[in-house]
């Protein structure tokens, strides 16, 4: 599914990134960075409540399609700068992470994880 279609369907606020023509291969949700680094598959859309710049470093490391920061929290300024620097699309939403994941599932986005 195209990231632009997901952003529109979920009324996501883009905080950074050009997301035209990005194909999302699945989704992953976790606030534990080491969990995401070890298990999230490439081209996944990552749902988190974390707001610090390490989120973007991890998203870049796993080759995430995008990051959604849920729960109405706003990313730190350094997070926005890092997202712009490395080209990771970053979105925010007031919806709780649980609801974001449910809506992604309804759109056909399925959980993806690398084998341990």
PDB file of N, CA and C in Angstrom:
ATOM      1  N   UNK A   1       0.840  -1.177   0.000  1.00  0.00           N
ATOM      2  CA  UNK A   1       0.000   0.000   0.000  1.00  0.00           C
ATOM      3  C   UNK A   1       0.886   1.241   0.000  1.00  0.00           C
ATOM      4  N   UNK A   2       0.447   2.254  -0.683  1.00  0.00           N
ATOM      5  CA  UNK A   2       1.208   3.486  -0.769  1.00  0.00           C
ATOM      6  C   UNK A   2       1.079   4.306   0.526  1.00  0.00           C
ATOM      7  N   UNK A   3       2.202   4.869   0.967  1.00  0.00           N
ATOM      8  CA  UNK A   3       2.226   5.672   2.180  1.00  0.00           C
ATOM      9  C   UNK A   3       1.291   6.870   2.071  1.00  0.00           C
ATOM     10  N   UNK A   4       1.206   7.485   0.913  1.00  0.00           N
ATOM     11  CA  UNK A   4       0.315   8.636   0.730  1.00  0.00           C
ATOM     12  C   UNK A   4      -1.139   8.253   0.995  1.00  0.00           C
ATOM     13  N   UNK A   5      -1.547   7.071   0.567  1.00  0.00           N
ATOM     14  CA  UNK A   5      -2.921   6.602   0.797  1.00  0.00           C
ATOM     15  C   UNK A   5      -3.166   6.359   2.281  1.00  0.00           C
ATOM     16  N   UNK A   6      -2.170   5.830   2.977  1.00  0.00           N
ATOM     17  CA  UNK A   6      -2.284   5.602   4.416  1.00  0.00           C
ATOM     18  C   UNK A   6      -2.414   6.948   5.143  1.00  0.00           C
ATOM     19  N   UNK A   7      -1.559   7.888   4.794  1.00  0.00           N
ATOM     20  CA  UNK A   7      -1.587   9.210   5.435  1.00  0.00           C
ATOM     21  C   UNK A   7      -2.944   9.871   5.252  1.00  0.00           C
ATOM     22  N   UNK A   8      -3.505   9.751   4.068  1.00  0.00           N
ATOM     23  CA  UNK A   8      -4.817  10.351   3.807  1.00  0.00           C
ATOM     24  C   UNK A   8      -5.912   9.629   4.586  1.00  0.00           C
ATOM     25  N   UNK A   9      -5.913   8.315   4.558  1.00  0.00           N
ATOM     26  CA  UNK A   9      -6.955   7.533   5.226  1.00  0.00           C
ATOM     27  C   UNK A   9      -6.966   7.743   6.741  1.00  0.00           C
ATOM     28  N   UNK A  10      -5.787   7.923   7.332  1.00  0.00           N
ATOM     29  CA  UNK A  10      -5.688   8.100   8.774  1.00  0.00           C
ATOM     30  C   UNK A  10      -5.627   9.576   9.187  1.00  0.00           C
ATOM     31  N   UNK A  11      -5.736  10.475   8.217  1.00  0.00           N
ATOM     32  CA  UNK A  11      -5.640  11.921   8.474  1.00  0.00           C
ATOM     33  C   UNK A  11      -4.401  12.258   9.287  1.00  0.00           C
ATOM     34  N   UNK A  12      -3.268  11.701   8.866  1.00  0.00           N
ATOM     35  CA  UNK A  12      -2.008  11.919   9.571  1.00  0.00           C
ATOM     36  C   UNK A  12      -1.432  13.280   9.233  1.00  0.00           C
ATOM     37  N   UNK A  13      -0.840  13.904  10.227  1.00  0.00           N
ATOM     38  CA  UNK A  13      -0.167  15.183  10.024  1.00  0.00           C
ATOM     39  C   UNK A  13       1.287  14.934   9.686  1.00  0.00           C
ATOM     40  N   UNK A  14       1.714  15.286   8.479  1.00  0.00           N
ATOM     41  CA  UNK A  14       3.125  15.096   8.150  1.00  0.00           C
ATOM     42  C   UNK A  14       3.989  16.145   8.838  1.00  0.00           C
ATOM     43  N   UNK A  15       4.946  15.696   9.616  1.00  0.00           N
ATOM     44  CA  UNK A  15       5.878  16.614  10.256  1.00  0.00           C
ATOM     45  C   UNK A  15       7.143  16.766   9.437  1.00  0.00           C
ATOM     46  N   UNK A  16       7.405  15.781   8.634  1.00  0.00           N
ATOM     47  CA  UNK A  16       8.552  15.871   7.743  1.00  0.00           C
ATOM     48  C   UNK A  16       8.476  14.766   6.702  1.00  0.00           C
ATOM     49  N   UNK A  17       9.058  15.048   5.582  1.00  0.00           N
ATOM     50  CA  UNK A  17       9.329  14.005   4.616  1.00  0.00           C
ATOM     51  C   UNK A  17       8.430  14.039   3.403  1.00  0.00           C
ATOM     52  N   UNK A  18       9.042  13.730   2.306  1.00  0.00           N
ATOM     53  CA  UNK A  18       8.322  13.515   1.068  1.00  0.00           C
ATOM     54  C   UNK A  18       7.935  12.046   1.073  1.00  0.00           C
ATOM     55  N   UNK A  19       6.663  11.786   0.968  1.00  0.00           N
ATOM     56  CA  UNK A  19       6.243  10.395   1.074  1.00  0.00           C
ATOM     57  C   UNK A  19       5.523   9.910  -0.165  1.00  0.00           C
ATOM     58  N   UNK A  20       5.605  10.653  -1.224  1.00  0.00           N
ATOM     59  CA  UNK A  20       5.014  10.237  -2.476  1.00  0.00           C
ATOM     60  C   UNK A  20       5.746   9.003  -3.001  1.00  0.00           C
ATOM     61  N   UNK A  21       4.985   8.041  -3.454  1.00  0.00           N
ATOM     62  CA  UNK A  21       5.527   6.835  -4.097  1.00  0.00           C
ATOM     63  C   UNK A  21       6.286   5.897  -3.170  1.00  0.00           C
ATOM     64  N   UNK A  22       6.071   5.985  -1.850  1.00  0.00           N
ATOM     65  CA  UNK A  22       6.704   5.031  -0.938  1.00  0.00           C
ATOM     66  C   UNK A  22       5.730   3.889  -0.703  1.00  0.00           C
ATOM     67  N   UNK A  23       6.187   2.679  -0.950  1.00  0.00           N
ATOM     68  CA  UNK A  23       5.379   1.481  -0.748  1.00  0.00           C
ATOM     69  C   UNK A  23       5.616   0.947   0.657  1.00  0.00           C
ATOM     70  N   UNK A  24       4.533   0.773   1.407  1.00  0.00           N
ATOM     71  CA  UNK A  24       4.600   0.214   2.758  1.00  0.00           C
ATOM     72  C   UNK A  24       4.374  -1.294   2.652  1.00  0.00           C
ATOM     73  N   UNK A  25       5.312  -2.060   3.185  1.00  0.00           N
ATOM     74  CA  UNK A  25       5.242  -3.519   3.095  1.00  0.00           C
ATOM     75  C   UNK A  25       4.600  -4.170   4.310  1.00  0.00           C
ATOM     76  N   UNK A  26       4.407  -3.391   5.388  1.00  0.00           N
ATOM     77  CA  UNK A  26       3.801  -3.934   6.600  1.00  0.00           C
ATOM     78  C   UNK A  26       3.921  -2.916   7.707  1.00  0.00           C
ATOM     79  N   UNK A  27       3.652  -3.358   8.927  1.00  0.00           N
ATOM     80  CA  UNK A  27       3.705  -2.444  10.047  1.00  0.00           C
ATOM     81  C   UNK A  27       4.330  -3.074  11.277  1.00  0.00           C
ATOM     82  N   UNK A  28       4.784  -2.221  12.171  1.00  0.00           N
ATOM     83  CA  UNK A  28       5.367  -2.665  13.434  1.00  0.00           C
ATOM     84  C   UNK A  28       5.069  -1.604  14.480  1.00  0.00           C
ATOM     85  N   UNK A  29       4.767  -2.037  15.694  1.00  0.00           N
ATOM     86  CA  UNK A  29       4.479  -1.110  16.773  1.00  0.00           C
ATOM     87  C   UNK A  29       5.233  -1.518  18.024  1.00  0.00           C
ATOM     88  N   UNK A  30       6.035  -0.595  18.532  1.00  0.00           N
ATOM     89  CA  UNK A  30       6.785  -0.835  19.757  1.00  0.00           C
ATOM     90  C   UNK A  30       7.410   0.478  20.190  1.00  0.00           C
ATOM     91  N   UNK A  31       7.583   0.616  21.497  1.00  0.00           N
ATOM     92  CA  UNK A  31       8.306   1.768  22.030  1.00  0.00           C
ATOM     93  C   UNK A  31       9.692   1.375  22.506  1.00  0.00           C
ATOM     94  N   UNK A  32      10.021   0.121  22.414  1.00  0.00           N
ATOM     95  CA  UNK A  32      11.330  -0.371  22.828  1.00  0.00           C
ATOM     96  C   UNK A  32      12.250  -0.393  21.609  1.00  0.00           C
ATOM     97  N   UNK A  33      13.203   0.520  21.571  1.00  0.00           N
ATOM     98  CA  UNK A  33      14.041   0.675  20.381  1.00  0.00           C
ATOM     99  C   UNK A  33      14.793  -0.594  20.023  1.00  0.00           C
ATOM    100  N   UNK A  34      15.289  -1.313  20.997  1.00  0.00           N
ATOM    101  CA  UNK A  34      16.029  -2.545  20.707  1.00  0.00           C
ATOM    102  C   UNK A  34      15.108  -3.597  20.088  1.00  0.00           C
ATOM    103  N   UNK A  35      13.846  -3.609  20.479  1.00  0.00           N
ATOM    104  CA  UNK A  35      12.869  -4.517  19.886  1.00  0.00           C
ATOM    105  C   UNK A  35      12.678  -4.185  18.415  1.00  0.00           C
ATOM    106  N   UNK A  36      12.526  -2.914  18.117  1.00  0.00           N
ATOM    107  CA  UNK A  36      12.338  -2.471  16.732  1.00  0.00           C
ATOM    108  C   UNK A  36      13.573  -2.808  15.901  1.00  0.00           C
ATOM    109  N   UNK A  37      14.754  -2.526  16.443  1.00  0.00           N
ATOM    110  CA  UNK A  37      15.995  -2.819  15.706  1.00  0.00           C
ATOM    111  C   UNK A  37      16.128  -4.312  15.407  1.00  0.00           C
ATOM    112  N   UNK A  38      15.715  -5.140  16.325  1.00  0.00           N
ATOM    113  CA  UNK A  38      15.887  -6.581  16.158  1.00  0.00           C
ATOM    114  C   UNK A  38      14.800  -7.278  15.381  1.00  0.00           C
ATOM    115  N   UNK A  39      13.611  -6.668  15.308  1.00  0.00           N
ATOM    116  CA  UNK A  39      12.485  -7.410  14.745  1.00  0.00           C
ATOM    117  C   UNK A  39      11.730  -6.747  13.606  1.00  0.00           C
ATOM    118  N   UNK A  40      11.716  -5.429  13.528  1.00  0.00           N
ATOM    119  CA  UNK A  40      10.925  -4.768  12.489  1.00  0.00           C
ATOM    120  C   UNK A  40      11.524  -5.002  11.109  1.00  0.00           C
ATOM    121  N   UNK A  41      10.667  -5.307  10.171  1.00  0.00           N
ATOM    122  CA  UNK A  41      11.106  -5.567   8.798  1.00  0.00           C
ATOM    123  C   UNK A  41      11.261  -4.258   8.026  1.00  0.00           C
ATOM    124  N   UNK A  42      12.101  -4.296   7.021  1.00  0.00           N
ATOM    125  CA  UNK A  42      12.306  -3.138   6.146  1.00  0.00           C
ATOM    126  C   UNK A  42      10.988  -2.751   5.477  1.00  0.00           C
ATOM    127  N   UNK A  43      10.861  -1.468   5.233  1.00  0.00           N
ATOM    128  CA  UNK A  43       9.705  -0.870   4.559  1.00  0.00           C
ATOM    129  C   UNK A  43       8.412  -0.988   5.365  1.00  0.00           C
ATOM    130  N   UNK A  44       8.563  -1.215   6.678  1.00  0.00           N
ATOM    131  CA  UNK A  44       7.409  -1.198   7.571  1.00  0.00           C
ATOM    132  C   UNK A  44       7.110   0.234   7.988  1.00  0.00           C
ATOM    133  N   UNK A  45       5.862   0.478   8.334  1.00  0.00           N
ATOM    134  CA  UNK A  45       5.500   1.733   8.961  1.00  0.00           C
ATOM    135  C   UNK A  45       5.526   1.465  10.466  1.00  0.00           C
ATOM    136  N   UNK A  46       6.267   2.270  11.194  1.00  0.00           N
ATOM    137  CA  UNK A  46       6.506   2.044  12.619  1.00  0.00           C
ATOM    138  C   UNK A  46       5.648   3.005  13.433  1.00  0.00           C
ATOM    139  N   UNK A  47       4.851   2.456  14.345  1.00  0.00           N
ATOM    140  CA  UNK A  47       4.000   3.245  15.231  1.00  0.00           C
ATOM    141  C   UNK A  47       4.630   3.249  16.619  1.00  0.00           C
ATOM    142  N   UNK A  48       4.815   4.445  17.174  1.00  0.00           N
ATOM    143  CA  UNK A  48       5.469   4.587  18.470  1.00  0.00           C
ATOM    144  C   UNK A  48       4.924   5.809  19.210  1.00  0.00           C
ATOM    145  N   UNK A  49       5.253   5.906  20.480  1.00  0.00           N
ATOM    146  CA  UNK A  49       4.975   7.108  21.270  1.00  0.00           C
ATOM    147  C   UNK A  49       6.273   7.820  21.622  1.00  0.00           C
ATOM    148  N   UNK A  50       7.397   7.294  21.184  1.00  0.00           N
ATOM    149  CA  UNK A  50       8.699   7.899  21.455  1.00  0.00           C
ATOM    150  C   UNK A  50       8.867   9.148  20.595  1.00  0.00           C
ATOM    151  N   UNK A  51       9.560  10.156  21.147  1.00  0.00           N
ATOM    152  CA  UNK A  51       9.658  11.440  20.440  1.00  0.00           C
ATOM    153  C   UNK A  51      11.089  11.931  20.238  1.00  0.00           C
ATOM    154  N   UNK A  52      12.072  11.197  20.720  1.00  0.00           N
ATOM    155  CA  UNK A  52      13.457  11.665  20.686  1.00  0.00           C
ATOM    156  C   UNK A  52      14.157  11.272  19.379  1.00  0.00           C
ATOM    157  N   UNK A  53      15.279  11.900  19.056  1.00  0.00           N
ATOM    158  CA  UNK A  53      15.962  11.665  17.781  1.00  0.00           C
ATOM    159  C   UNK A  53      16.392  10.221  17.525  1.00  0.00           C
ATOM    160  N   UNK A  54      16.571   9.430  18.573  1.00  0.00           N
ATOM    161  CA  UNK A  54      16.962   8.038  18.357  1.00  0.00           C
ATOM    162  C   UNK A  54      15.910   7.255  17.583  1.00  0.00           C
ATOM    163  N   UNK A  55      14.679   7.718  17.616  1.00  0.00           N
ATOM    164  CA  UNK A  55      13.621   7.082  16.834  1.00  0.00           C
ATOM    165  C   UNK A  55      13.986   7.120  15.350  1.00  0.00           C
ATOM    166  N   UNK A  56      14.464   8.241  14.897  1.00  0.00           N
ATOM    167  CA  UNK A  56      14.811   8.385  13.484  1.00  0.00           C
ATOM    168  C   UNK A  56      16.063   7.580  13.155  1.00  0.00           C
ATOM    169  N   UNK A  57      17.004   7.534  14.077  1.00  0.00           N
ATOM    170  CA  UNK A  57      18.202   6.714  13.855  1.00  0.00           C
ATOM    171  C   UNK A  57      17.815   5.250  13.678  1.00  0.00           C
ATOM    172  N   UNK A  58      16.917   4.764  14.511  1.00  0.00           N
ATOM    173  CA  UNK A  58      16.470   3.368  14.406  1.00  0.00           C
ATOM    174  C   UNK A  58      15.662   3.172  13.126  1.00  0.00           C
ATOM    175  N   UNK A  59      14.782   4.106  12.803  1.00  0.00           N
ATOM    176  CA  UNK A  59      13.989   3.999  11.571  1.00  0.00           C
ATOM    177  C   UNK A  59      14.893   3.927  10.347  1.00  0.00           C
ATOM    178  N   UNK A  60      15.949   4.710  10.357  1.00  0.00           N
ATOM    179  CA  UNK A  60      16.907   4.684   9.258  1.00  0.00           C
ATOM    180  C   UNK A  60      17.641   3.346   9.207  1.00  0.00           C
ATOM    181  N   UNK A  61      18.020   2.856  10.369  1.00  0.00           N
ATOM    182  CA  UNK A  61      18.738   1.579  10.458  1.00  0.00           C
ATOM    183  C   UNK A  61      17.922   0.419   9.894  1.00  0.00           C
ATOM    184  N   UNK A  62      16.639   0.398  10.175  1.00  0.00           N
ATOM    185  CA  UNK A  62      15.798  -0.712   9.713  1.00  0.00           C
ATOM    186  C   UNK A  62      15.196  -0.454   8.332  1.00  0.00           C
ATOM    187  N   UNK A  63      15.471   0.712   7.756  1.00  0.00           N
ATOM    188  CA  UNK A  63      14.918   1.107   6.465  1.00  0.00           C
ATOM    189  C   UNK A  63      13.393   1.165   6.522  1.00  0.00           C
ATOM    190  N   UNK A  64      12.876   1.838   7.557  1.00  0.00           N
ATOM    191  CA  UNK A  64      11.432   1.990   7.725  1.00  0.00           C
ATOM    192  C   UNK A  64      10.845   2.835   6.601  1.00  0.00           C
ATOM    193  N   UNK A  65       9.617   2.535   6.242  1.00  0.00           N
ATOM    194  CA  UNK A  65       8.916   3.342   5.245  1.00  0.00           C
ATOM    195  C   UNK A  65       8.544   4.702   5.835  1.00  0.00           C
ATOM    196  N   UNK A  66       8.210   4.699   7.136  1.00  0.00           N
ATOM    197  CA  UNK A  66       7.812   5.932   7.826  1.00  0.00           C
ATOM    198  C   UNK A  66       7.668   5.650   9.312  1.00  0.00           C
ATOM    199  N   UNK A  67       7.557   6.730  10.072  1.00  0.00           N
ATOM    200  CA  UNK A  67       7.297   6.642  11.508  1.00  0.00           C
ATOM    201  C   UNK A  67       6.034   7.439  11.806  1.00  0.00           C
ATOM    202  N   UNK A  68       5.154   6.848  12.615  1.00  0.00           N
ATOM    203  CA  UNK A  68       3.986   7.560  13.119  1.00  0.00           C
ATOM    204  C   UNK A  68       4.161   7.695  14.623  1.00  0.00           C
ATOM    205  N   UNK A  69       4.181   8.931  15.090  1.00  0.00           N
ATOM    206  CA  UNK A  69       4.221   9.188  16.531  1.00  0.00           C
ATOM    207  C   UNK A  69       2.775   9.421  16.960  1.00  0.00           C
ATOM    208  N   UNK A  70       2.271   8.494  17.772  1.00  0.00           N
ATOM    209  CA  UNK A  70       0.869   8.498  18.173  1.00  0.00           C
ATOM    210  C   UNK A  70       0.674   9.129  19.548  1.00  0.00           C
ATOM    211  N   UNK A  71      -0.574   9.291  19.922  1.00  0.00           N
ATOM    212  CA  UNK A  71      -0.911   9.726  21.260  1.00  0.00           C
ATOM    213  C   UNK A  71      -0.897  11.222  21.484  1.00  0.00           C
ATOM    214  N   UNK A  72      -0.818  11.994  20.421  1.00  0.00           N
ATOM    215  CA  UNK A  72      -0.867  13.444  20.566  1.00  0.00           C
ATOM    216  C   UNK A  72       0.404  14.089  21.073  1.00  0.00           C
ATOM    217  N   UNK A  73       1.474  13.326  21.157  1.00  0.00           N
ATOM    218  CA  UNK A  73       2.746  13.912  21.594  1.00  0.00           C
ATOM    219  C   UNK A  73       3.491  14.442  20.377  1.00  0.00           C
ATOM    220  N   UNK A  74       4.291  15.463  20.595  1.00  0.00           N
ATOM    221  CA  UNK A  74       5.029  16.084  19.503  1.00  0.00           C
ATOM    222  C   UNK A  74       6.504  15.717  19.573  1.00  0.00           C
ATOM    223  N   UNK A  75       7.111  15.450  18.423  1.00  0.00           N
ATOM    224  CA  UNK A  75       8.532  15.091  18.422  1.00  0.00           C
ATOM    225  C   UNK A  75       9.398  16.270  18.852  1.00  0.00           C
ATOM    226  N   UNK A  76      10.530  15.929  19.436  1.00  0.00           N
ATOM    227  CA  UNK A  76      11.502  16.957  19.800  1.00  0.00           C
ATOM    228  C   UNK A  76      12.043  17.614  18.531  1.00  0.00           C
ATOM    229  N   UNK A  77      12.535  18.820  18.670  1.00  0.00           N
ATOM    230  CA  UNK A  77      13.104  19.540  17.521  1.00  0.00           C
ATOM    231  C   UNK A  77      14.219  18.736  16.856  1.00  0.00           C
ATOM    232  N   UNK A  78      15.067  18.095  17.654  1.00  0.00           N
ATOM    233  CA  UNK A  78      16.146  17.277  17.114  1.00  0.00           C
ATOM    234  C   UNK A  78      15.639  16.099  16.308  1.00  0.00           C
ATOM    235  N   UNK A  79      14.466  15.592  16.670  1.00  0.00           N
ATOM    236  CA  UNK A  79      13.854  14.482  15.933  1.00  0.00           C
ATOM    237  C   UNK A  79      13.421  14.953  14.555  1.00  0.00           C
ATOM    238  N   UNK A  80      12.821  16.124  14.506  1.00  0.00           N
ATOM    239  CA  UNK A  80      12.402  16.684  13.221  1.00  0.00           C
ATOM    240  C   UNK A  80      13.603  16.934  12.311  1.00  0.00           C
ATOM    241  N   UNK A  81      14.653  17.491  12.877  1.00  0.00           N
ATOM    242  CA  UNK A  81      15.862  17.771  12.098  1.00  0.00           C
ATOM    243  C   UNK A  81      16.487  16.484  11.575  1.00  0.00           C
ATOM    244  N   UNK A  82      16.543  15.455  12.431  1.00  0.00           N
ATOM    245  CA  UNK A  82      17.132  14.168  12.023  1.00  0.00           C
ATOM    246  C   UNK A  82      16.292  13.517  10.925  1.00  0.00           C
ATOM    247  N   UNK A  83      14.964  13.588  11.035  1.00  0.00           N
ATOM    248  CA  UNK A  83      14.085  13.019  10.005  1.00  0.00           C
ATOM    249  C   UNK A  83      14.325  13.697   8.660  1.00  0.00           C
ATOM    250  N   UNK A  84      14.458  15.007   8.689  1.00  0.00           N
ATOM    251  CA  UNK A  84      14.728  15.748   7.452  1.00  0.00           C
ATOM    252  C   UNK A  84      16.091  15.372   6.884  1.00  0.00           C
ATOM    253  N   UNK A  85      17.058  15.268   7.764  1.00  0.00           N
ATOM    254  CA  UNK A  85      18.432  14.950   7.358  1.00  0.00           C
ATOM    255  C   UNK A  85      18.544  13.601   6.659  1.00  0.00           C
ATOM    256  N   UNK A  86      17.865  12.592   7.195  1.00  0.00           N
ATOM    257  CA  UNK A  86      17.999  11.236   6.636  1.00  0.00           C
ATOM    258  C   UNK A  86      16.851  10.852   5.703  1.00  0.00           C
ATOM    259  N   UNK A  87      15.823  11.711   5.606  1.00  0.00           N
ATOM    260  CA  UNK A  87      14.737  11.464   4.658  1.00  0.00           C
ATOM    261  C   UNK A  87      13.712  10.441   5.101  1.00  0.00           C
ATOM    262  N   UNK A  88      13.476  10.350   6.400  1.00  0.00           N
ATOM    263  CA  UNK A  88      12.447   9.440   6.902  1.00  0.00           C
ATOM    264  C   UNK A  88      11.143  10.222   7.075  1.00  0.00           C
ATOM    265  N   UNK A  89      10.065   9.813   6.392  1.00  0.00           N
ATOM    266  CA  UNK A  89       8.782  10.477   6.607  1.00  0.00           C
ATOM    267  C   UNK A  89       8.328  10.292   8.055  1.00  0.00           C
ATOM    268  N   UNK A  90       7.901  11.374   8.669  1.00  0.00           N
ATOM    269  CA  UNK A  90       7.509  11.387  10.068  1.00  0.00           C
ATOM    270  C   UNK A  90       6.130  12.019  10.177  1.00  0.00           C
ATOM    271  N   UNK A  91       5.219  11.307  10.838  1.00  0.00           N
ATOM    272  CA  UNK A  91       3.855  11.779  11.015  1.00  0.00           C
ATOM    273  C   UNK A  91       3.504  11.813  12.490  1.00  0.00           C
ATOM    274  N   UNK A  92       2.543  12.657  12.836  1.00  0.00           N
ATOM    275  CA  UNK A  92       1.991  12.645  14.180  1.00  0.00           C
ATOM    276  C   UNK A  92       0.477  12.519  14.089  1.00  0.00           C
ATOM    277  N   UNK A  93      -0.093  11.986  15.155  1.00  0.00           N
ATOM    278  CA  UNK A  93      -1.544  11.863  15.255  1.00  0.00           C
ATOM    279  C   UNK A  93      -1.951  11.943  16.709  1.00  0.00           C
ATOM    280  N   UNK A  94      -3.152  12.439  16.941  1.00  0.00           N
ATOM    281  CA  UNK A  94      -3.698  12.468  18.290  1.00  0.00           C
ATOM    282  C   UNK A  94      -4.250  11.107  18.705  1.00  0.00           C
ATOM    283  N   UNK A  95      -4.450  10.227  17.755  1.00  0.00           N
ATOM    284  CA  UNK A  95      -4.989   8.905  18.068  1.00  0.00           C
ATOM    285  C   UNK A  95      -4.016   8.101  18.925  1.00  0.00           C
ATOM    286  N   UNK A  96      -4.525   7.291  19.843  1.00  0.00           N
ATOM    287  CA  UNK A  96      -3.645   6.383  20.582  1.00  0.00           C
ATOM    288  C   UNK A  96      -3.027   5.357  19.624  1.00  0.00           C
ATOM    289  N   UNK A  97      -1.861   4.864  19.964  1.00  0.00           N
ATOM    290  CA  UNK A  97      -1.165   3.884  19.120  1.00  0.00           C
ATOM    291  C   UNK A  97      -2.056   2.682  18.811  1.00  0.00           C
ATOM    292  N   UNK A  98      -2.825   2.222  19.781  1.00  0.00           N
ATOM    293  CA  UNK A  98      -3.695   1.067  19.588  1.00  0.00           C
ATOM    294  C   UNK A  98      -4.676   1.308  18.447  1.00  0.00           C
ATOM    295  N   UNK A  99      -5.266   2.500  18.412  1.00  0.00           N
ATOM    296  CA  UNK A  99      -6.218   2.824  17.352  1.00  0.00           C
ATOM    297  C   UNK A  99      -5.533   2.969  15.998  1.00  0.00           C
ATOM    298  N   UNK A 100      -4.341   3.538  15.983  1.00  0.00           N
ATOM    299  CA  UNK A 100      -3.595   3.674  14.728  1.00  0.00           C
ATOM    300  C   UNK A 100      -3.326   2.292  14.138  1.00  0.00           C
ATOM    301  N   UNK A 101      -2.866   1.387  14.974  1.00  0.00           N
ATOM    302  CA  UNK A 101      -2.572   0.030  14.505  1.00  0.00           C
ATOM    303  C   UNK A 101      -3.845  -0.642  13.997  1.00  0.00           C
ATOM    304  N   UNK A 102      -4.958  -0.457  14.701  1.00  0.00           N
ATOM    305  CA  UNK A 102      -6.226  -1.031  14.250  1.00  0.00           C
ATOM    306  C   UNK A 102      -6.655  -0.485  12.907  1.00  0.00           C
ATOM    307  N   UNK A 103      -6.487   0.811  12.708  1.00  0.00           N
ATOM    308  CA  UNK A 103      -6.850   1.407  11.423  1.00  0.00           C
ATOM    309  C   UNK A 103      -5.925   0.937  10.306  1.00  0.00           C
ATOM    310  N   UNK A 104      -4.640   0.814  10.614  1.00  0.00           N
ATOM    311  CA  UNK A 104      -3.706   0.277   9.613  1.00  0.00           C
ATOM    312  C   UNK A 104      -4.121  -1.129   9.202  1.00  0.00           C
ATOM    313  N   UNK A 105      -4.503  -1.928  10.178  1.00  0.00           N
ATOM    314  CA  UNK A 105      -4.938  -3.300   9.900  1.00  0.00           C
ATOM    315  C   UNK A 105      -6.180  -3.298   8.998  1.00  0.00           C
ATOM    316  N   UNK A 106      -7.132  -2.411   9.290  1.00  0.00           N
ATOM    317  CA  UNK A 106      -8.331  -2.319   8.465  1.00  0.00           C
ATOM    318  C   UNK A 106      -8.007  -1.924   7.029  1.00  0.00           C
ATOM    319  N   UNK A 107      -6.913  -1.179   6.848  1.00  0.00           N
ATOM    320  CA  UNK A 107      -6.486  -0.793   5.504  1.00  0.00           C
ATOM    321  C   UNK A 107      -5.746  -1.910   4.778  1.00  0.00           C
ATOM    322  N   UNK A 108      -5.478  -2.992   5.491  1.00  0.00           N
ATOM    323  CA  UNK A 108      -4.770  -4.115   4.872  1.00  0.00           C
ATOM    324  C   UNK A 108      -3.302  -4.202   5.204  1.00  0.00           C
ATOM    325  N   UNK A 109      -2.805  -3.306   6.052  1.00  0.00           N
ATOM    326  CA  UNK A 109      -1.407  -3.356   6.471  1.00  0.00           C
ATOM    327  C   UNK A 109      -1.296  -4.417   7.560  1.00  0.00           C
ATOM    328  N   UNK A 110      -0.413  -5.373   7.362  1.00  0.00           N
ATOM    329  CA  UNK A 110      -0.247  -6.462   8.312  1.00  0.00           C
ATOM    330  C   UNK A 110       1.087  -6.330   9.027  1.00  0.00           C
ATOM    331  N   UNK A 111       1.127  -6.889  10.210  1.00  0.00           N
ATOM    332  CA  UNK A 111       2.348  -6.865  11.002  1.00  0.00           C
ATOM    333  C   UNK A 111       3.460  -7.603  10.305  1.00  0.00           C
ATOM    334  N   UNK A 112       4.647  -7.043  10.350  1.00  0.00           N
ATOM    335  CA  UNK A 112       5.805  -7.687   9.759  1.00  0.00           C
ATOM    336  C   UNK A 112       6.920  -7.707  10.776  1.00  0.00           C
ATOM    337  N   UNK A 113       7.618  -8.786  10.813  1.00  0.00           N
ATOM    338  CA  UNK A 113       8.756  -8.894  11.718  1.00  0.00           C
ATOM    339  C   UNK A 113       9.790  -9.829  11.086  1.00  0.00           C
ATOM    340  N   UNK A 114      11.041  -9.468  11.324  1.00  0.00           N
ATOM    341  CA  UNK A 114      12.109 -10.356  10.878  1.00  0.00           C
ATOM    342  C   UNK A 114      12.187 -11.531  11.832  1.00  0.00           C
ATOM    343  N   UNK A 115      12.591 -12.655  11.329  1.00  0.00           N
ATOM    344  CA  UNK A 115      12.767 -13.840  12.178  1.00  0.00           C
ATOM    345  C   UNK A 115      13.970 -13.635  13.085  1.00  0.00           C
ATOM    346  N   UNK A 116      13.825 -14.078  14.311  1.00  0.00           N
ATOM    347  CA  UNK A 116      14.904 -13.926  15.283  1.00  0.00           C
ATOM    348  C   UNK A 116      16.016 -14.908  15.024  1.00  0.00           C
TER     349      UNK A 116
END
